[in-house]
């Protein structure tokens, strides 16, 4: 369906009630894979992080990763879930070109955590929105397919495909919500806020690096429409592997408009998986969506059931860290930010960056200003998240210190940031290489002031006559002559002193 054929979003919401279901896959930060001792670090030469177990060679038997089980329990506890006293793995069967076993070891009707909830703050709501969690279950990741030839790396039209099994077997926890109803026009914002809150929670638990750009956190967006006010659920689609907060919002919005267009035109929604296109913000068809029966689940015969001791579960419960939203309330009070300022930082995913910048020596207001303003604009220009910018909180704090110490002014500081972003080195190296230090030598500044006054005698006369606003023109000329490296306050003092005018 072409973008021009899509129903307007507001019109779609007027005719239909959306129902959301979100499935978030979390890649755990264990040293080894779910069922074998192969390393899990990102990258590496293709097919080098493999062994007989994750390659499914005959006779190789899996062994459960205890740390992965512990992480799954922590996640369940933090999501207010019940932790199973007894659970087991199952085999999920369908064609997996990137899984050597051709089945996935997962959990089905006996997950390790179930019946939970997470309260999420969403802009426009006076109270948190409660998202009910159906289950959080353990499973393993698949490998990676690389389609060569064709267009945009897709399998359609590709000349051949390459398979990298390094990721196959990496521990995952899949967190599945119950249907989220009643969000109406706020459905995209609710979906985004939930994934953002979940990411913050997982980061606080230290169970995953939650790098959406590297696939450590991936969201499948299930969406269906029902006629407005009718209640119930429509036929759903599942948009797979949405890998940024912005894309979660866009995927929900697009599917609402797309499905509404089909339904109003007399068509029927096909139950299928879909893929999100980052460039266009649209979804495209994948495959017909299977039901649980199609996967032919059956208990994994090579693994014993898991029965977490209650004492162990309670020890993990006691050891849970402070929840991110409680920590943010403490930070907001300490930093002196308003509710709006803190909400903007949360929306920009900048809270942790500000925290790290303050820890490195900047003031809260300095850190907030850089990350929410100039660096936020740079991230938008590049189409990336703030955390993906090639500048660290420590470097931002160093630049703040240079401004406070008088080595840089605001204009020069922005040029230093640009240099760091361009890969020119640390802030002090950029300052030296670009010659950006503030000119504070009075003899050099006086020469520039004299030249500016001589070039603009009429302005000099207005200043002598008491028009102090005219000093700005001279300061501007001096700043231009010194390429922005002059201390503006000192230049003003020299201008007034040269003309014999009291400031």
Foldseek 3Di string as FASTA:
>chain_A
DDPVLFDDLVVLLVWWWKKKKKKKKAQWPDQAFQFDRFGQDPDDDFQPRDDCVQLVPPPDFTDGDVVLVLLLLLLQVVQAWDFDQWFAWKWFADQDPQGNVNTWTWGDPGFRTAFGWDFFDFPPDPGTDIWTWGGKHKIADGWDKFFAADPPRDVVRGPDIDTGGNRTRRIIIMIITDIDTDCRSCVLRVQLRVLLLSLQQSVQQNTHPLQLVRPSMFMWMWMFIDTPPPDDTFQIEIATGQRDSVLSSLAHSQVSRVQSSQVVVVHGDFHFYWYADPVVSHIGGDGHDDDSVVRVMDGDPSDDMDRDDPVSSVVSSVPRDDRPVVVLVVVCVVLVHDPVLSVLCSVLVNPVQLVVLVVLPARSVQSSCVQNPVLSVVCVVVVHRSVPQQDGSNLSNVLRVCCVVQQAPPVLSSVLVVCSSVVVDGSVSSCVVVVQTADPPVVVLLVLLVVLCVVCVVLLVVVLVPPLVSVVSSLVSSCVVVVNRYDSVVSSVSSCVVSVHDD
